[in-house]
Each structure stands twice: as C-alpha cells, then as structure tokens.
Amino acid sequence: MDGARQRRRLLERSTEQMRMDTLRAALPSLDPPAAAPMLQPAPPVDPHAIRVLLTGFGPFRNFNENPSWLAIRPSTTPSSTPRHSRPSTMTTTNDPQPIHITCAQIPMTYAGVLATVPSLHARPPILPPNNDPTLLMPPPPENGYDFVLHVALAGRGPLRLERLAHRHGYAMKDAEGEYAPSLPKDGPTPTPEASEIERMEMHLQGVMSSAVPADGHGHSDGPEIPPIRGFGKSYDNFPEEIHSEVDVAKLVHFLKEIEMEEDPEDAMRVRSLNVTPSLNCRLMPLQRVYTSMDAGHYLCDFAYYCSLAEAKRVSSKQEKSKDHRGSPAKSTPVLAMHCPPVNQPLSTRHVTEAIKIVLVRICSQLTQ
C-alpha cells in the first residue's frame, strides 16, 4: 500500500510540474522594455483577457528606485503576456486565456496612499499619473480589475505573502517625515510592544524608536500616551483586521513545489560565499516564501488595508445596486507581498519570476 501511495504521489507531482512548466514558458520576458523617447499609445487589450493590477512603491530614503518597483516593472512588457489554460467548460478551443498586467506606483507616504489606492477600486478605476514613457497604460477595465497584487519592500529575508492588514497602529513616519492620521482618543490606549516584523520595518526605514509624541510633532514634557493612528471615520464600518480572500497558506504550499531556473548572477554570488553544496540554487527563490500574519504596520500594511476595504466597499455597493448584472458577485481579490532588498538574498529577476507565477496561479483559479 505504501508503495502504491508513493507512486501515486510522484505521478501527481510530475503532472503538476509539467503544468507549471507550460505556464512558465508563457510568462512575459523578464527583461525591462527598451526605453522610448516619448509616451506611446497602448495597444488594444484582448476583451477576453484577465485584467490584473500590480502595484509597487516609489523611492524613499536611500532607495532611489524601490526594489518593489524594480521587481514589478518588467511585468508590463507587452510582447509576451502571461496566459493560463481556460477550463474546458468555458471554451471548446485550447487557446490560452491572456492575462493583461497593468503596473502602478504608489507614493511612500500615508497621504499618497489615501489619494491613490481608493481610486484603484473606482468604477472605472483611476490610475495615478504615469511619468514613465516606457510603461504602456491602456484604459482601465470599466468593471474594475480582476485581481490586485501589492508588492512592497521589507528587510532582508524571504518573500512574504500577507494574510491580513490592520486598521490601526501606524506609528512610523513616511518618506516625507509625516505620520499616519491620528484618531480621537476615547481614553488611554496602551501602545503594544513592536513585533519582530515591525522592528525590521523600523530598521529598514532608519527609525530608531516607534514612540510617537501625542501631537505627532516635537516632544512633550510628561509621559503622554501616543495617539491611535490609522484609518478614520470613513472606515468605521470595517474591522480592525481584514483578511485577504486569497487562500495564502495554500498558495505558499503550491509555490514551494515550484522549481525555477537559476539566475546566473545569483548563482555566482552564492558560490562566492562558499555555501555548502547541498544548497540547490534552482530551488532557492520559491523555497524562500512564507505566509505572514503581520504586514508591518507601515505603508504596505496601510495600503493593503485600504485596498481590501475599498474592494469590499465597492462589492457592497454593487450588491445594493439594482443594476449590477454582469458585475462580479464577490469583491476583487487583493493580496500583498513583501520582497527583500536586491540580492538579500533574492535577485530582482527571481522576485519578478515569483510574482508572475503568483499571478498565473491566482488567475487560473478566478475562472474555475
């Protein structure tokens, strides 16, 4: 019995690996698009395409280009769009269904998040201004994007897929030295000790302490209780934590089974460190991916909560509307990923490849 069970498991894994090899072969080129002298009109989008919105963050502190933006930007190459096979119940042909990716950059400020993210869920969505002539920006879909993935920078370590986002607890300054909005206090509220993830965020941002003066500026003479900072009255109907509708644990389990081609530069760097030969560089990127219950209480967490809440708000409005036939019954799936700085330990190429496999996996489930 054990032998038969083992043979069956090997066959299942082999079949799944063959399927992913086919999907990876259809992923976009990882090379950035060639520079263009001026903004070019975007080519028409296949009306049957699954529309994906991929966001990264703008520059801040010592990062002239945010590694999250470097990782998502190659995904917009129009010459080779990722595809996944349509379920047989939807079509009589074997043509793959295209996935159209649109990239947008979110500023590294709380005010920038509040000015940008809600509009991404409008009907139709409103994208931030595009100042990059190499990015082609087709009109957003009238009924909104089918999937939204937010990518942000964290400290050194693995890729982290975030399960949830927080409404309050934002004590760190943004790239412009501003705090998140403060809320009226009904009474003394103790400030929880910073988690390990938050301490990593503070170290990355160069923040020495998470303690915030009561007014957000200067120092007080006495032991004042920091204000509660986060989302205000317009988000009162949403809970303290919002979980993604994506099954993150199952997604991470899937990703850990995927083999990826090694990056020559990354392999050379690993060998230069005299790493034990038992480390297989081909398995490194997607073996180093984990689920997370703490998005850091910084701008990624802030944008993630805003996006999850706005997706639910739009879905609720559609359910109440008398004229919402053809609109999705559920809210747009939203997910957030944290990536490390470049080569700490993953190269930009590896992060980009992982992002695209995540997109293909999620999109293949949207039509099931």
Protein backbone atom coordinates (compact mmCIF):
# COMPACT_ATOMS: atom_id res chain seq x y z
CA MET A 1 0.00 0.00 0.00
CA ASP A 2 2.81 2.40 0.89
CA GLY A 3 4.49 1.77 -2.47
CA ALA A 4 1.27 2.42 -4.40
CA ARG A 5 0.62 5.62 -2.41
CA GLN A 6 4.14 6.84 -3.10
CA ARG A 7 3.86 6.11 -6.84
CA ARG A 8 0.53 7.97 -6.96
CA ARG A 9 2.04 10.99 -5.19
CA LEU A 10 5.03 11.04 -7.57
CA LEU A 11 2.65 10.92 -10.54
CA GLU A 12 0.57 13.81 -9.15
CA ARG A 13 3.67 15.93 -8.54
CA SER A 14 5.00 15.13 -12.02
CA THR A 15 1.70 16.15 -13.63
CA GLU A 16 1.58 19.40 -11.63
CA GLN A 17 5.21 20.18 -12.51
CA MET A 18 4.52 19.64 -16.23
CA ARG A 19 1.55 22.02 -15.96
CA MET A 20 3.66 24.72 -14.31
CA ASP A 21 6.46 24.26 -16.87
CA THR A 22 3.87 25.03 -19.56
CA LEU A 23 2.66 28.09 -17.65
CA ARG A 24 6.18 29.39 -17.03
CA ALA A 25 7.01 29.07 -20.71
CA ALA A 26 4.19 31.55 -21.41
CA LEU A 27 5.28 34.11 -18.81
CA PRO A 28 6.48 37.53 -20.03
CA SER A 29 10.11 38.28 -20.69
CA LEU A 30 11.98 39.31 -17.56
CA ASP A 31 13.98 41.93 -19.42
CA PRO A 32 12.74 45.54 -19.00
CA PRO A 33 11.22 47.15 -22.08
CA ALA A 34 13.58 49.27 -24.14
CA ALA A 35 13.50 52.98 -23.37
CA ALA A 36 11.18 55.06 -25.56
CA PRO A 37 11.63 58.75 -26.35
CA MET A 38 8.02 59.65 -25.60
CA LEU A 39 4.80 58.20 -24.26
CA GLN A 40 3.48 55.59 -26.69
CA PRO A 41 -0.19 54.68 -27.15
CA ALA A 42 -1.00 51.38 -25.51
CA PRO A 43 -2.01 48.52 -27.82
CA PRO A 44 -5.61 47.31 -27.55
CA VAL A 45 -6.36 44.84 -24.79
CA ASP A 46 -7.87 41.46 -25.63
CA PRO A 47 -11.51 41.73 -24.45
CA HIS A 48 -11.25 38.21 -23.03
CA ALA A 49 -8.11 38.95 -21.02
CA ILE A 50 -8.00 38.71 -17.25
CA ARG A 51 -7.08 42.20 -16.06
CA VAL A 52 -4.51 42.35 -13.25
CA LEU A 53 -3.31 45.44 -11.39
CA LEU A 54 0.19 45.17 -9.98
CA THR A 55 1.48 47.94 -7.71
CA GLY A 56 4.89 48.78 -6.30
CA PHE A 57 6.09 51.69 -4.20
CA GLY A 58 8.04 54.80 -5.11
CA PRO A 59 11.51 55.89 -3.97
CA PHE A 60 12.31 56.73 -0.37
CA ARG A 61 15.33 57.35 1.84
CA ASN A 62 18.39 55.63 0.35
CA PHE A 63 16.39 53.77 -2.32
CA ASN A 64 16.32 55.90 -5.48
CA GLU A 65 14.35 53.07 -7.06
CA ASN A 66 12.27 50.98 -4.71
CA PRO A 67 13.12 47.26 -5.11
CA SER A 68 9.39 46.52 -5.21
CA TRP A 69 9.04 48.74 -8.27
CA LEU A 70 12.12 47.19 -9.90
CA ALA A 71 10.53 43.76 -9.42
CA ILE A 72 7.13 44.53 -10.96
CA ARG A 73 8.14 46.86 -13.78
CA PRO A 74 9.34 44.14 -16.23
CA SER A 75 5.87 42.57 -15.98
CA THR A 76 4.47 45.24 -18.29
CA THR A 77 6.43 44.04 -21.34
CA PRO A 78 3.64 43.90 -23.97
CA SER A 79 5.31 41.45 -26.35
CA SER A 80 4.63 38.34 -24.27
CA THR A 81 1.63 38.35 -21.96
CA PRO A 82 1.28 35.51 -19.43
CA ARG A 83 -1.50 33.06 -20.12
CA HIS A 84 -3.26 30.18 -18.47
CA SER A 85 -5.39 27.44 -19.94
CA ARG A 86 -9.10 28.06 -19.90
CA PRO A 87 -11.24 25.40 -18.23
CA SER A 88 -12.84 23.12 -20.80
CA THR A 89 -16.29 24.21 -19.60
CA MET A 90 -15.66 27.76 -20.83
CA THR A 91 -14.41 27.14 -24.34
CA THR A 92 -14.19 24.47 -26.99
CA THR A 93 -10.69 25.55 -28.08
CA ASN A 94 -7.31 25.03 -26.47
CA ASP A 95 -6.25 28.65 -26.88
CA PRO A 96 -4.77 30.05 -23.66
CA GLN A 97 -6.53 32.94 -21.97
CA PRO A 98 -4.33 36.05 -21.79
CA ILE A 99 -3.59 37.87 -18.55
CA HIS A 100 -3.11 41.59 -19.05
CA ILE A 101 -0.93 43.28 -16.42
CA THR A 102 -1.10 46.99 -15.58
CA CYS A 103 1.53 48.44 -13.24
CA ALA A 104 1.04 51.48 -11.00
CA GLN A 105 3.32 53.14 -8.47
CA ILE A 106 2.10 54.15 -5.01
CA PRO A 107 3.92 57.00 -3.21
CA MET A 108 5.76 56.20 0.01
CA THR A 109 3.51 58.49 2.03
CA TYR A 110 0.30 57.97 4.00
CA ALA A 111 -1.33 60.86 2.16
CA GLY A 112 -0.22 59.36 -1.17
CA VAL A 113 -1.79 56.01 -0.28
CA LEU A 114 -5.10 57.65 0.64
CA ALA A 115 -5.03 59.69 -2.58
CA THR A 116 -4.17 56.71 -4.79
CA VAL A 117 -5.49 53.37 -3.52
CA PRO A 118 -9.25 54.11 -3.21
CA SER A 119 -9.26 55.30 -6.82
CA LEU A 120 -7.80 51.98 -7.97
CA HIS A 121 -11.10 50.38 -6.95
CA ALA A 122 -13.37 53.01 -8.54
CA ARG A 123 -15.65 52.05 -11.43
CA PRO A 124 -13.88 52.53 -13.72
CA PRO A 125 -10.58 52.59 -11.82
CA ILE A 126 -8.49 55.77 -11.83
CA LEU A 127 -4.76 55.17 -12.12
CA PRO A 128 -2.07 57.54 -10.80
CA PRO A 129 -0.24 59.70 -13.38
CA ASN A 130 2.25 57.79 -15.50
CA ASN A 131 5.53 59.66 -15.90
CA ASP A 132 7.45 56.70 -17.31
CA PRO A 133 7.50 56.72 -21.14
CA THR A 134 8.40 53.01 -21.23
CA LEU A 135 5.19 51.96 -19.49
CA LEU A 136 2.16 51.46 -21.69
CA MET A 137 -1.04 52.33 -19.84
CA PRO A 138 -4.24 51.11 -21.55
CA PRO A 139 -7.58 52.34 -20.24
CA PRO A 140 -8.64 50.52 -17.06
CA PRO A 141 -11.49 47.99 -17.32
CA GLU A 142 -14.91 49.53 -16.77
CA ASN A 143 -15.89 46.98 -14.11
CA GLY A 144 -12.58 47.03 -12.29
CA TYR A 145 -9.57 44.75 -12.22
CA ASP A 146 -9.98 41.02 -11.69
CA PHE A 147 -7.06 40.78 -9.26
CA VAL A 148 -4.87 43.30 -7.41
CA LEU A 149 -1.41 42.48 -6.07
CA HIS A 150 0.52 44.99 -3.97
CA VAL A 151 4.30 44.45 -3.73
CA ALA A 152 6.36 46.26 -1.10
CA LEU A 153 9.84 46.24 0.38
CA ALA A 154 10.75 44.56 3.67
CA GLY A 155 14.05 43.71 5.33
CA ARG A 156 16.49 41.01 4.36
CA GLY A 157 14.92 37.57 4.13
CA PRO A 158 12.32 35.56 2.21
CA LEU A 159 9.30 36.59 0.20
CA ARG A 160 6.29 37.06 2.49
CA LEU A 161 2.69 36.75 1.37
CA GLU A 162 0.50 38.70 3.78
CA ARG A 163 -2.73 37.17 5.05
CA LEU A 164 -4.24 40.31 6.57
CA ALA A 165 -3.92 44.07 7.09
CA HIS A 166 -4.50 46.34 10.09
CA ARG A 167 -6.69 49.38 10.56
CA HIS A 168 -4.70 51.00 13.38
CA GLY A 169 -1.21 51.01 14.88
CA TYR A 170 0.79 53.07 12.37
CA ALA A 171 3.49 54.73 14.47
CA MET A 172 6.28 55.24 11.91
CA LYS A 173 6.93 58.30 9.77
CA ASP A 174 6.62 58.06 6.00
CA ALA A 175 9.14 59.17 3.34
CA GLU A 176 8.20 62.82 3.90
CA GLY A 177 8.51 62.61 7.66
CA GLU A 178 4.75 62.61 8.23
CA TYR A 179 2.71 60.34 10.47
CA ALA A 180 -0.48 58.48 9.62
CA PRO A 181 -3.69 60.35 10.53
CA SER A 182 -4.40 60.39 14.26
CA LEU A 183 -7.79 59.42 15.63
CA PRO A 184 -9.70 60.98 18.51
CA LYS A 185 -8.97 59.14 21.75
CA ASP A 186 -11.86 57.98 23.91
CA GLY A 187 -9.48 57.02 26.68
CA PRO A 188 -5.94 55.87 27.42
CA THR A 189 -4.79 53.24 24.96
CA PRO A 190 -1.54 51.44 25.64
CA THR A 191 0.92 51.16 22.79
CA PRO A 192 1.71 47.49 22.15
CA GLU A 193 5.33 46.40 22.01
CA ALA A 194 6.63 46.38 18.45
CA SER A 195 6.59 42.95 16.83
CA GLU A 196 9.64 41.45 15.15
CA ILE A 197 8.27 42.40 11.73
CA GLU A 198 7.70 45.99 12.86
CA ARG A 199 11.26 46.20 14.22
CA MET A 200 12.54 45.03 10.84
CA GLU A 201 10.49 47.75 9.16
CA MET A 202 11.86 50.37 11.59
CA HIS A 203 15.42 49.28 10.92
CA LEU A 204 14.82 49.41 7.16
CA GLN A 205 13.34 52.90 7.35
CA GLY A 206 16.05 54.14 9.72
CA VAL A 207 13.53 54.68 12.53
CA MET A 208 15.19 54.45 15.95
CA SER A 209 12.01 54.26 18.01
CA SER A 210 8.33 53.64 17.43
CA ALA A 211 7.33 56.05 20.19
CA VAL A 212 5.31 58.96 18.81
CA PRO A 213 4.63 62.24 20.64
CA ALA A 214 0.98 62.89 21.41
CA ASP A 215 0.69 65.65 18.84
CA GLY A 216 2.92 63.92 16.32
CA HIS A 217 5.49 66.73 16.41
CA GLY A 218 8.23 67.60 18.88
CA HIS A 219 8.42 66.21 22.41
CA SER A 220 6.16 66.52 25.42
CA ASP A 221 7.30 67.33 28.94
CA GLY A 222 5.49 64.40 30.54
CA PRO A 223 4.72 60.75 29.82
CA GLU A 224 1.98 61.24 27.23
CA ILE A 225 0.08 58.41 25.64
CA PRO A 226 0.68 58.26 21.86
CA PRO A 227 -2.40 58.80 19.71
CA ILE A 228 -4.05 56.00 17.80
CA ARG A 229 -3.03 56.34 14.17
CA GLY A 230 -4.58 54.75 11.11
CA PHE A 231 -7.89 54.93 9.28
CA GLY A 232 -10.57 57.35 10.40
CA LYS A 233 -14.32 57.74 10.29
CA SER A 234 -14.87 56.69 6.68
CA TYR A 235 -13.57 53.23 7.63
CA ASP A 236 -15.60 52.83 10.83
CA ASN A 237 -17.68 50.05 9.28
CA PHE A 238 -14.63 47.88 8.69
CA PRO A 239 -13.00 45.62 11.29
CA GLU A 240 -9.62 46.09 12.94
CA GLU A 241 -8.18 43.39 10.71
CA ILE A 242 -9.23 42.47 7.17
CA HIS A 243 -8.13 39.12 5.78
CA SER A 244 -7.45 38.53 2.11
CA GLU A 245 -9.92 36.30 0.30
CA VAL A 246 -6.94 34.54 -1.28
CA ASP A 247 -6.04 31.26 0.43
CA VAL A 248 -2.49 32.37 1.22
CA ALA A 249 -1.45 29.17 3.02
CA LYS A 250 -2.47 27.02 0.06
CA LEU A 251 -0.77 29.42 -2.38
CA VAL A 252 2.52 29.28 -0.45
CA HIS A 253 2.33 25.49 -0.29
CA PHE A 254 1.93 25.48 -4.07
CA LEU A 255 4.82 27.87 -4.61
CA LYS A 256 7.20 25.77 -2.54
CA GLU A 257 6.70 22.92 -5.02
CA ILE A 258 7.83 25.02 -7.98
CA GLU A 259 11.31 24.76 -9.45
CA MET A 260 12.77 27.84 -11.11
CA GLU A 261 15.74 28.35 -13.38
CA GLU A 262 18.70 29.75 -11.50
CA ASP A 263 19.83 33.32 -12.11
CA PRO A 264 23.46 33.13 -13.38
CA GLU A 265 24.48 36.24 -11.43
CA ASP A 266 22.77 34.98 -8.28
CA ALA A 267 24.37 31.54 -8.62
CA MET A 268 27.81 33.10 -8.97
CA ARG A 269 27.18 35.24 -5.87
CA VAL A 270 26.06 32.23 -3.84
CA ARG A 271 29.10 30.18 -4.90
CA SER A 272 31.38 33.07 -3.95
CA LEU A 273 30.07 32.76 -0.39
CA ASN A 274 31.30 29.13 -0.21
CA VAL A 275 27.78 27.92 0.61
CA THR A 276 27.50 24.20 1.28
CA PRO A 277 26.92 22.21 -1.95
CA SER A 278 23.67 20.85 -0.52
CA LEU A 279 22.03 24.22 -1.25
CA ASN A 280 20.31 23.90 -4.61
CA CYS A 281 20.21 27.34 -6.24
CA ARG A 282 17.47 26.21 -8.61
CA LEU A 283 15.08 25.75 -5.70
CA MET A 284 16.12 28.81 -3.73
CA PRO A 285 13.60 31.50 -4.82
CA LEU A 286 10.31 29.75 -4.20
CA GLN A 287 11.56 27.66 -1.31
CA ARG A 288 12.09 31.00 0.42
CA VAL A 289 8.49 32.12 0.58
CA TYR A 290 6.30 32.20 3.68
CA THR A 291 2.92 33.31 4.91
CA SER A 292 2.75 36.25 7.29
CA MET A 293 0.16 37.49 9.78
CA ASP A 294 1.91 40.83 10.31
CA ALA A 295 2.32 43.19 7.35
CA GLY A 296 4.45 45.53 9.46
CA HIS A 297 2.17 48.46 10.40
CA TYR A 298 3.87 50.62 7.78
CA LEU A 299 2.95 51.80 4.29
CA CYS A 300 2.45 48.35 2.75
CA ASP A 301 0.13 47.37 5.59
CA PHE A 302 -1.60 50.76 5.28
CA ALA A 303 -2.09 50.39 1.50
CA TYR A 304 -3.15 46.75 1.89
CA TYR A 305 -5.86 47.58 4.43
CA CYS A 306 -7.09 50.47 2.29
CA SER A 307 -7.24 48.24 -0.80
CA LEU A 308 -9.02 45.38 0.97
CA ALA A 309 -11.55 47.77 2.50
CA GLU A 310 -12.22 49.59 -0.77
CA ALA A 311 -12.70 46.29 -2.62
CA LYS A 312 -15.31 45.30 -0.05
CA ARG A 313 -16.93 48.74 -0.19
CA VAL A 314 -17.35 48.53 -3.97
CA SER A 315 -18.70 44.98 -3.73
CA SER A 316 -21.24 46.08 -1.13
CA LYS A 317 -22.41 48.94 -3.35
CA GLN A 318 -22.81 46.57 -6.28
CA GLU A 319 -24.88 44.17 -4.20
CA LYS A 320 -27.20 47.00 -3.18
CA SER A 321 -27.46 48.37 -6.70
CA LYS A 322 -30.40 47.32 -8.87
CA ASP A 323 -28.26 47.47 -11.97
CA HIS A 324 -25.24 45.34 -11.19
CA ARG A 325 -25.83 42.45 -13.60
CA GLY A 326 -22.54 41.38 -15.10
CA SER A 327 -20.50 42.69 -12.19
CA PRO A 328 -18.55 40.26 -10.04
CA ALA A 329 -20.56 38.85 -7.15
CA LYS A 330 -17.55 38.90 -4.84
CA SER A 331 -15.11 41.67 -4.08
CA THR A 332 -11.95 41.87 -6.16
CA PRO A 333 -9.30 39.55 -4.70
CA VAL A 334 -6.46 41.60 -3.18
CA LEU A 335 -3.11 40.29 -1.97
CA ALA A 336 0.12 41.85 -0.67
CA MET A 337 3.67 40.55 -0.94
CA HIS A 338 6.84 41.74 0.77
CA CYS A 339 10.14 41.32 -1.06
CA PRO A 340 13.67 41.83 0.32
CA PRO A 341 16.20 44.41 -0.89
CA VAL A 342 18.01 43.35 -4.06
CA ASN A 343 20.22 40.28 -3.52
CA GLN A 344 19.29 39.96 0.16
CA PRO A 345 19.10 37.11 -0.69
CA LEU A 346 16.89 37.15 -3.83
CA SER A 347 17.75 38.90 -7.07
CA THR A 348 15.23 41.18 -8.76
CA ARG A 349 14.88 38.57 -11.50
CA HIS A 350 13.86 35.91 -9.01
CA VAL A 351 11.32 38.18 -7.32
CA THR A 352 9.85 39.10 -10.71
CA GLU A 353 9.57 35.45 -11.69
CA ALA A 354 7.89 34.58 -8.40
CA ILE A 355 5.39 37.43 -8.81
CA LYS A 356 4.40 36.23 -12.25
CA ILE A 357 3.88 32.67 -11.09
CA VAL A 358 1.66 34.00 -8.30
CA LEU A 359 -0.36 35.93 -10.89
CA VAL A 360 -0.79 32.91 -13.15
CA ARG A 361 -1.79 30.71 -10.23
CA ILE A 362 -4.40 33.16 -8.89
CA CYS A 363 -5.79 33.93 -12.34
CA SER A 364 -6.12 30.24 -13.17
CA GLN A 365 -8.43 29.96 -10.14
CA LEU A 366 -10.57 33.01 -10.96
CA THR A 367 -12.35 31.28 -13.84
CA GLN A 368 -12.89 27.96 -12.09
